[in-house]
């Protein structure tokens, strides 16, 4: 009802946000932070292979695995 001749509607915006923009923001967060061992590579692969589920898992579990930078 809200779409006219190819204009993006509310459902398309929701899908873009959940499956493209949110995982992209999470990937940037993963790349900017340090993790122990191969955790960074594992989280990148999980988010790329399973964008929605991987993003949720990272937000629940992965943010706790970041190495805290101690600045003097």
PDB file of N, CA and C in Angstrom:
ATOM      1  N   UNK A   1       0.799  -1.184   0.000  1.00  0.00           N
ATOM      2  CA  UNK A   1       0.000   0.000   0.000  1.00  0.00           C
ATOM      3  C   UNK A   1       0.853   1.265   0.000  1.00  0.00           C
ATOM      4  N   UNK A   2       1.991   1.211   0.726  1.00  0.00           N
ATOM      5  CA  UNK A   2       2.841   2.391   0.841  1.00  0.00           C
ATOM      6  C   UNK A   2       3.866   2.509  -0.282  1.00  0.00           C
ATOM      7  N   UNK A   3       4.016   1.454  -1.083  1.00  0.00           N
ATOM      8  CA  UNK A   3       5.003   1.505  -2.150  1.00  0.00           C
ATOM      9  C   UNK A   3       4.361   1.952  -3.454  1.00  0.00           C
ATOM     10  N   UNK A   4       5.062   2.792  -4.169  1.00  0.00           N
ATOM     11  CA  UNK A   4       4.582   3.275  -5.461  1.00  0.00           C
ATOM     12  C   UNK A   4       5.692   3.128  -6.494  1.00  0.00           C
ATOM     13  N   UNK A   5       5.510   2.264  -7.455  1.00  0.00           N
ATOM     14  CA  UNK A   5       6.417   2.137  -8.605  1.00  0.00           C
ATOM     15  C   UNK A   5       7.881   2.034  -8.202  1.00  0.00           C
ATOM     16  N   UNK A   6       8.223   1.128  -7.307  1.00  0.00           N
ATOM     17  CA  UNK A   6       9.615   0.904  -6.965  1.00  0.00           C
ATOM     18  C   UNK A   6      10.155   1.718  -5.812  1.00  0.00           C
ATOM     19  N   UNK A   7       9.341   2.543  -5.190  1.00  0.00           N
ATOM     20  CA  UNK A   7       9.809   3.298  -4.032  1.00  0.00           C
ATOM     21  C   UNK A   7       9.874   2.345  -2.844  1.00  0.00           C
ATOM     22  N   UNK A   8      10.894   2.489  -2.041  1.00  0.00           N
ATOM     23  CA  UNK A   8      11.083   1.599  -0.896  1.00  0.00           C
ATOM     24  C   UNK A   8       9.998   1.861   0.146  1.00  0.00           C
ATOM     25  N   UNK A   9       9.367   0.784   0.606  1.00  0.00           N
ATOM     26  CA  UNK A   9       8.313   0.880   1.608  1.00  0.00           C
ATOM     27  C   UNK A   9       8.849   0.557   2.995  1.00  0.00           C
ATOM     28  N   UNK A  10       7.985   0.573   4.003  1.00  0.00           N
ATOM     29  CA  UNK A  10       8.419   0.352   5.384  1.00  0.00           C
ATOM     30  C   UNK A  10       8.966  -1.054   5.626  1.00  0.00           C
ATOM     31  N   UNK A  11       8.414  -2.068   4.974  1.00  0.00           N
ATOM     32  CA  UNK A  11       8.920  -3.426   5.173  1.00  0.00           C
ATOM     33  C   UNK A  11      10.309  -3.603   4.570  1.00  0.00           C
ATOM     34  N   UNK A  12      10.550  -2.966   3.443  1.00  0.00           N
ATOM     35  CA  UNK A  12      11.875  -3.056   2.829  1.00  0.00           C
ATOM     36  C   UNK A  12      12.913  -2.349   3.697  1.00  0.00           C
ATOM     37  N   UNK A  13      12.538  -1.241   4.306  1.00  0.00           N
ATOM     38  CA  UNK A  13      13.454  -0.529   5.199  1.00  0.00           C
ATOM     39  C   UNK A  13      13.765  -1.379   6.423  1.00  0.00           C
ATOM     40  N   UNK A  14      12.769  -2.053   6.974  1.00  0.00           N
ATOM     41  CA  UNK A  14      12.972  -2.934   8.117  1.00  0.00           C
ATOM     42  C   UNK A  14      13.906  -4.080   7.761  1.00  0.00           C
ATOM     43  N   UNK A  15      13.692  -4.685   6.613  1.00  0.00           N
ATOM     44  CA  UNK A  15      14.552  -5.790   6.171  1.00  0.00           C
ATOM     45  C   UNK A  15      15.976  -5.299   5.931  1.00  0.00           C
ATOM     46  N   UNK A  16      16.128  -4.142   5.289  1.00  0.00           N
ATOM     47  CA  UNK A  16      17.467  -3.572   5.089  1.00  0.00           C
ATOM     48  C   UNK A  16      18.166  -3.339   6.416  1.00  0.00           C
ATOM     49  N   UNK A  17      17.452  -2.815   7.374  1.00  0.00           N
ATOM     50  CA  UNK A  17      18.045  -2.531   8.676  1.00  0.00           C
ATOM     51  C   UNK A  17      18.470  -3.784   9.404  1.00  0.00           C
ATOM     52  N   UNK A  18      17.610  -4.803   9.405  1.00  0.00           N
ATOM     53  CA  UNK A  18      17.905  -6.016  10.161  1.00  0.00           C
ATOM     54  C   UNK A  18      18.956  -6.896   9.510  1.00  0.00           C
ATOM     55  N   UNK A  19      18.966  -6.966   8.196  1.00  0.00           N
ATOM     56  CA  UNK A  19      19.835  -7.929   7.530  1.00  0.00           C
ATOM     57  C   UNK A  19      21.061  -7.315   6.857  1.00  0.00           C
ATOM     58  N   UNK A  20      21.123  -5.994   6.750  1.00  0.00           N
ATOM     59  CA  UNK A  20      22.282  -5.375   6.106  1.00  0.00           C
ATOM     60  C   UNK A  20      22.949  -4.345   7.011  1.00  0.00           C
ATOM     61  N   UNK A  21      22.193  -3.368   7.473  1.00  0.00           N
ATOM     62  CA  UNK A  21      22.803  -2.281   8.232  1.00  0.00           C
ATOM     63  C   UNK A  21      23.273  -2.712   9.622  1.00  0.00           C
ATOM     64  N   UNK A  22      22.446  -3.429  10.365  1.00  0.00           N
ATOM     65  CA  UNK A  22      22.849  -3.863  11.702  1.00  0.00           C
ATOM     66  C   UNK A  22      24.057  -4.804  11.666  1.00  0.00           C
ATOM     67  N   UNK A  23      24.081  -5.826  10.794  1.00  0.00           N
ATOM     68  CA  UNK A  23      25.297  -6.649  10.709  1.00  0.00           C
ATOM     69  C   UNK A  23      26.528  -5.846  10.268  1.00  0.00           C
ATOM     70  N   UNK A  24      26.347  -4.851   9.418  1.00  0.00           N
ATOM     71  CA  UNK A  24      27.474  -4.018   8.998  1.00  0.00           C
ATOM     72  C   UNK A  24      28.029  -3.232  10.181  1.00  0.00           C
ATOM     73  N   UNK A  25      27.163  -2.691  11.006  1.00  0.00           N
ATOM     74  CA  UNK A  25      27.604  -1.966  12.201  1.00  0.00           C
ATOM     75  C   UNK A  25      28.326  -2.908  13.160  1.00  0.00           C
ATOM     76  N   UNK A  26      27.811  -4.129  13.303  1.00  0.00           N
ATOM     77  CA  UNK A  26      28.458  -5.115  14.176  1.00  0.00           C
ATOM     78  C   UNK A  26      29.817  -5.511  13.620  1.00  0.00           C
ATOM     79  N   UNK A  27      29.940  -5.686  12.311  1.00  0.00           N
ATOM     80  CA  UNK A  27      31.244  -6.014  11.716  1.00  0.00           C
ATOM     81  C   UNK A  27      32.254  -4.904  11.956  1.00  0.00           C
ATOM     82  N   UNK A  28      31.843  -3.668  11.859  1.00  0.00           N
ATOM     83  CA  UNK A  28      32.744  -2.551  12.139  1.00  0.00           C
ATOM     84  C   UNK A  28      33.188  -2.587  13.598  1.00  0.00           C
ATOM     85  N   UNK A  29      32.260  -2.894  14.513  1.00  0.00           N
ATOM     86  CA  UNK A  29      32.607  -2.998  15.928  1.00  0.00           C
ATOM     87  C   UNK A  29      33.602  -4.128  16.165  1.00  0.00           C
ATOM     88  N   UNK A  30      33.405  -5.257  15.502  1.00  0.00           N
ATOM     89  CA  UNK A  30      34.322  -6.392  15.647  1.00  0.00           C
ATOM     90  C   UNK A  30      35.715  -6.003  15.147  1.00  0.00           C
ATOM     91  N   UNK A  31      35.793  -5.344  14.005  1.00  0.00           N
ATOM     92  CA  UNK A  31      37.091  -4.981  13.433  1.00  0.00           C
ATOM     93  C   UNK A  31      37.824  -3.936  14.270  1.00  0.00           C
ATOM     94  N   UNK A  32      37.107  -3.076  14.959  1.00  0.00           N
ATOM     95  CA  UNK A  32      37.745  -2.017  15.753  1.00  0.00           C
ATOM     96  C   UNK A  32      38.232  -2.483  17.115  1.00  0.00           C
ATOM     97  N   UNK A  33      37.774  -3.632  17.586  1.00  0.00           N
ATOM     98  CA  UNK A  33      38.130  -4.100  18.921  1.00  0.00           C
ATOM     99  C   UNK A  33      39.051  -5.313  18.847  1.00  0.00           C
ATOM    100  N   UNK A  34      39.704  -5.572  19.968  1.00  0.00           N
ATOM    101  CA  UNK A  34      40.617  -6.712  20.079  1.00  0.00           C
ATOM    102  C   UNK A  34      39.935  -7.857  20.816  1.00  0.00           C
ATOM    103  N   UNK A  35      40.260  -9.083  20.404  1.00  0.00           N
ATOM    104  CA  UNK A  35      39.740 -10.292  21.022  1.00  0.00           C
ATOM    105  C   UNK A  35      40.914 -11.235  21.265  1.00  0.00           C
ATOM    106  N   UNK A  36      40.709 -12.214  22.140  1.00  0.00           N
ATOM    107  CA  UNK A  36      41.756 -13.197  22.384  1.00  0.00           C
ATOM    108  C   UNK A  36      41.735 -14.268  21.306  1.00  0.00           C
ATOM    109  N   UNK A  37      42.899 -14.763  20.970  1.00  0.00           N
ATOM    110  CA  UNK A  37      43.006 -15.857  20.009  1.00  0.00           C
ATOM    111  C   UNK A  37      42.388 -15.537  18.664  1.00  0.00           C
ATOM    112  N   UNK A  38      41.628 -16.486  18.150  1.00  0.00           N
ATOM    113  CA  UNK A  38      40.978 -16.343  16.849  1.00  0.00           C
ATOM    114  C   UNK A  38      39.526 -15.884  16.960  1.00  0.00           C
ATOM    115  N   UNK A  39      39.140 -15.354  18.111  1.00  0.00           N
ATOM    116  CA  UNK A  39      37.743 -14.964  18.304  1.00  0.00           C
ATOM    117  C   UNK A  39      37.283 -13.902  17.310  1.00  0.00           C
ATOM    118  N   UNK A  40      38.171 -12.992  16.929  1.00  0.00           N
ATOM    119  CA  UNK A  40      37.779 -11.958  15.969  1.00  0.00           C
ATOM    120  C   UNK A  40      37.388 -12.583  14.635  1.00  0.00           C
ATOM    121  N   UNK A  41      38.198 -13.495  14.143  1.00  0.00           N
ATOM    122  CA  UNK A  41      37.911 -14.172  12.878  1.00  0.00           C
ATOM    123  C   UNK A  41      36.624 -14.987  12.972  1.00  0.00           C
ATOM    124  N   UNK A  42      36.434 -15.672  14.082  1.00  0.00           N
ATOM    125  CA  UNK A  42      35.234 -16.483  14.265  1.00  0.00           C
ATOM    126  C   UNK A  42      33.989 -15.606  14.260  1.00  0.00           C
ATOM    127  N   UNK A  43      34.023 -14.464  14.971  1.00  0.00           N
ATOM    128  CA  UNK A  43      32.850 -13.585  15.001  1.00  0.00           C
ATOM    129  C   UNK A  43      32.566 -12.974  13.629  1.00  0.00           C
ATOM    130  N   UNK A  44      33.607 -12.635  12.902  1.00  0.00           N
ATOM    131  CA  UNK A  44      33.402 -12.106  11.546  1.00  0.00           C
ATOM    132  C   UNK A  44      32.715 -13.138  10.669  1.00  0.00           C
ATOM    133  N   UNK A  45      33.165 -14.376  10.716  1.00  0.00           N
ATOM    134  CA  UNK A  45      32.560 -15.436   9.913  1.00  0.00           C
ATOM    135  C   UNK A  45      31.117 -15.716  10.324  1.00  0.00           C
ATOM    136  N   UNK A  46      30.862 -15.733  11.627  1.00  0.00           N
ATOM    137  CA  UNK A  46      29.501 -15.991  12.114  1.00  0.00           C
ATOM    138  C   UNK A  46      28.547 -14.908  11.635  1.00  0.00           C
ATOM    139  N   UNK A  47      28.970 -13.642  11.716  1.00  0.00           N
ATOM    140  CA  UNK A  47      28.095 -12.549  11.293  1.00  0.00           C
ATOM    141  C   UNK A  47      27.921 -12.538   9.775  1.00  0.00           C
ATOM    142  N   UNK A  48      28.951 -12.895   9.024  1.00  0.00           N
ATOM    143  CA  UNK A  48      28.823 -12.920   7.561  1.00  0.00           C
ATOM    144  C   UNK A  48      27.958 -14.083   7.077  1.00  0.00           C
ATOM    145  N   UNK A  49      28.072 -15.244   7.715  1.00  0.00           N
ATOM    146  CA  UNK A  49      27.324 -16.420   7.279  1.00  0.00           C
ATOM    147  C   UNK A  49      25.874 -16.365   7.751  1.00  0.00           C
ATOM    148  N   UNK A  50      25.657 -15.925   8.983  1.00  0.00           N
ATOM    149  CA  UNK A  50      24.308 -15.829   9.563  1.00  0.00           C
ATOM    150  C   UNK A  50      24.074 -14.388  10.013  1.00  0.00           C
ATOM    151  N   UNK A  51      23.709 -13.488   9.102  1.00  0.00           N
ATOM    152  CA  UNK A  51      23.640 -12.062   9.452  1.00  0.00           C
ATOM    153  C   UNK A  51      22.731 -11.746  10.642  1.00  0.00           C
ATOM    154  N   UNK A  52      21.522 -12.229  10.658  1.00  0.00           N
ATOM    155  CA  UNK A  52      20.598 -11.876  11.742  1.00  0.00           C
ATOM    156  C   UNK A  52      20.952 -12.601  13.033  1.00  0.00           C
ATOM    157  N   UNK A  53      21.089 -13.920  12.968  1.00  0.00           N
ATOM    158  CA  UNK A  53      21.417 -14.720  14.153  1.00  0.00           C
ATOM    159  C   UNK A  53      22.819 -14.393  14.663  1.00  0.00           C
ATOM    160  N   UNK A  54      23.772 -14.230  13.758  1.00  0.00           N
ATOM    161  CA  UNK A  54      25.132 -13.897  14.160  1.00  0.00           C
ATOM    162  C   UNK A  54      25.218 -12.551  14.859  1.00  0.00           C
ATOM    163  N   UNK A  55      24.441 -11.588  14.381  1.00  0.00           N
ATOM    164  CA  UNK A  55      24.413 -10.273  15.014  1.00  0.00           C
ATOM    165  C   UNK A  55      23.844 -10.378  16.420  1.00  0.00           C
ATOM    166  N   UNK A  56      22.752 -11.108  16.570  1.00  0.00           N
ATOM    167  CA  UNK A  56      22.171 -11.288  17.900  1.00  0.00           C
ATOM    168  C   UNK A  56      23.132 -11.997  18.846  1.00  0.00           C
ATOM    169  N   UNK A  57      23.771 -13.053  18.366  1.00  0.00           N
ATOM    170  CA  UNK A  57      24.724 -13.779  19.200  1.00  0.00           C
ATOM    171  C   UNK A  57      25.904 -12.895  19.605  1.00  0.00           C
ATOM    172  N   UNK A  58      26.390 -12.089  18.665  1.00  0.00           N
ATOM    173  CA  UNK A  58      27.509 -11.208  18.998  1.00  0.00           C
ATOM    174  C   UNK A  58      27.102 -10.184  20.051  1.00  0.00           C
ATOM    175  N   UNK A  59      25.918  -9.612  19.902  1.00  0.00           N
ATOM    176  CA  UNK A  59      25.467  -8.615  20.862  1.00  0.00           C
ATOM    177  C   UNK A  59      25.243  -9.223  22.249  1.00  0.00           C
ATOM    178  N   UNK A  60      24.855 -10.492  22.307  1.00  0.00           N
ATOM    179  CA  UNK A  60      24.619 -11.150  23.592  1.00  0.00           C
ATOM    180  C   UNK A  60      25.909 -11.704  24.191  1.00  0.00           C
ATOM    181  N   UNK A  61      26.715 -12.393  23.376  1.00  0.00           N
ATOM    182  CA  UNK A  61      27.887 -13.116  23.871  1.00  0.00           C
ATOM    183  C   UNK A  61      29.196 -12.398  23.544  1.00  0.00           C
ATOM    184  N   UNK A  62      29.333 -11.947  22.308  1.00  0.00           N
ATOM    185  CA  UNK A  62      30.611 -11.449  21.811  1.00  0.00           C
ATOM    186  C   UNK A  62      31.099 -10.170  22.443  1.00  0.00           C
ATOM    187  N   UNK A  63      30.186  -9.296  22.834  1.00  0.00           N
ATOM    188  CA  UNK A  63      30.633  -8.035  23.423  1.00  0.00           C
ATOM    189  C   UNK A  63      31.334  -8.253  24.759  1.00  0.00           C
ATOM    190  N   UNK A  64      31.045  -9.372  25.422  1.00  0.00           N
ATOM    191  CA  UNK A  64      31.703  -9.694  26.692  1.00  0.00           C
ATOM    192  C   UNK A  64      33.108 -10.251  26.473  1.00  0.00           C
ATOM    193  N   UNK A  65      33.422 -10.668  25.247  1.00  0.00           N
ATOM    194  CA  UNK A  65      34.725 -11.268  24.954  1.00  0.00           C
ATOM    195  C   UNK A  65      35.764 -10.255  24.499  1.00  0.00           C
ATOM    196  N   UNK A  66      35.385  -9.012  24.380  1.00  0.00           N
ATOM    197  CA  UNK A  66      36.337  -7.989  23.957  1.00  0.00           C
ATOM    198  C   UNK A  66      37.414  -7.798  25.015  1.00  0.00           C
ATOM    199  N   UNK A  67      38.616  -7.489  24.562  1.00  0.00           N
ATOM    200  CA  UNK A  67      39.708  -7.166  25.474  1.00  0.00           C
ATOM    201  C   UNK A  67      39.604  -5.690  25.796  1.00  0.00           C
ATOM    202  N   UNK A  68      39.558  -5.390  27.070  1.00  0.00           N
ATOM    203  CA  UNK A  68      39.481  -4.011  27.509  1.00  0.00           C
ATOM    204  C   UNK A  68      40.844  -3.350  27.375  1.00  0.00           C
ATOM    205  N   UNK A  69      40.900  -2.213  26.696  1.00  0.00           N
ATOM    206  CA  UNK A  69      42.148  -1.461  26.562  1.00  0.00           C
ATOM    207  C   UNK A  69      42.344  -0.596  27.802  1.00  0.00           C
ATOM    208  N   UNK A  70      43.460  -0.801  28.473  1.00  0.00           N
ATOM    209  CA  UNK A  70      43.766  -0.001  29.653  1.00  0.00           C
ATOM    210  C   UNK A  70      44.736   1.095  29.256  1.00  0.00           C
ATOM    211  N   UNK A  71      44.235   2.324  29.264  1.00  0.00           N
ATOM    212  CA  UNK A  71      45.083   3.454  28.895  1.00  0.00           C
ATOM    213  C   UNK A  71      45.517   4.182  30.149  1.00  0.00           C
ATOM    214  N   UNK A  72      46.781   4.557  30.191  1.00  0.00           N
ATOM    215  CA  UNK A  72      47.325   5.236  31.367  1.00  0.00           C
ATOM    216  C   UNK A  72      47.090   6.726  31.295  1.00  0.00           C
TER     217      UNK A  72
END
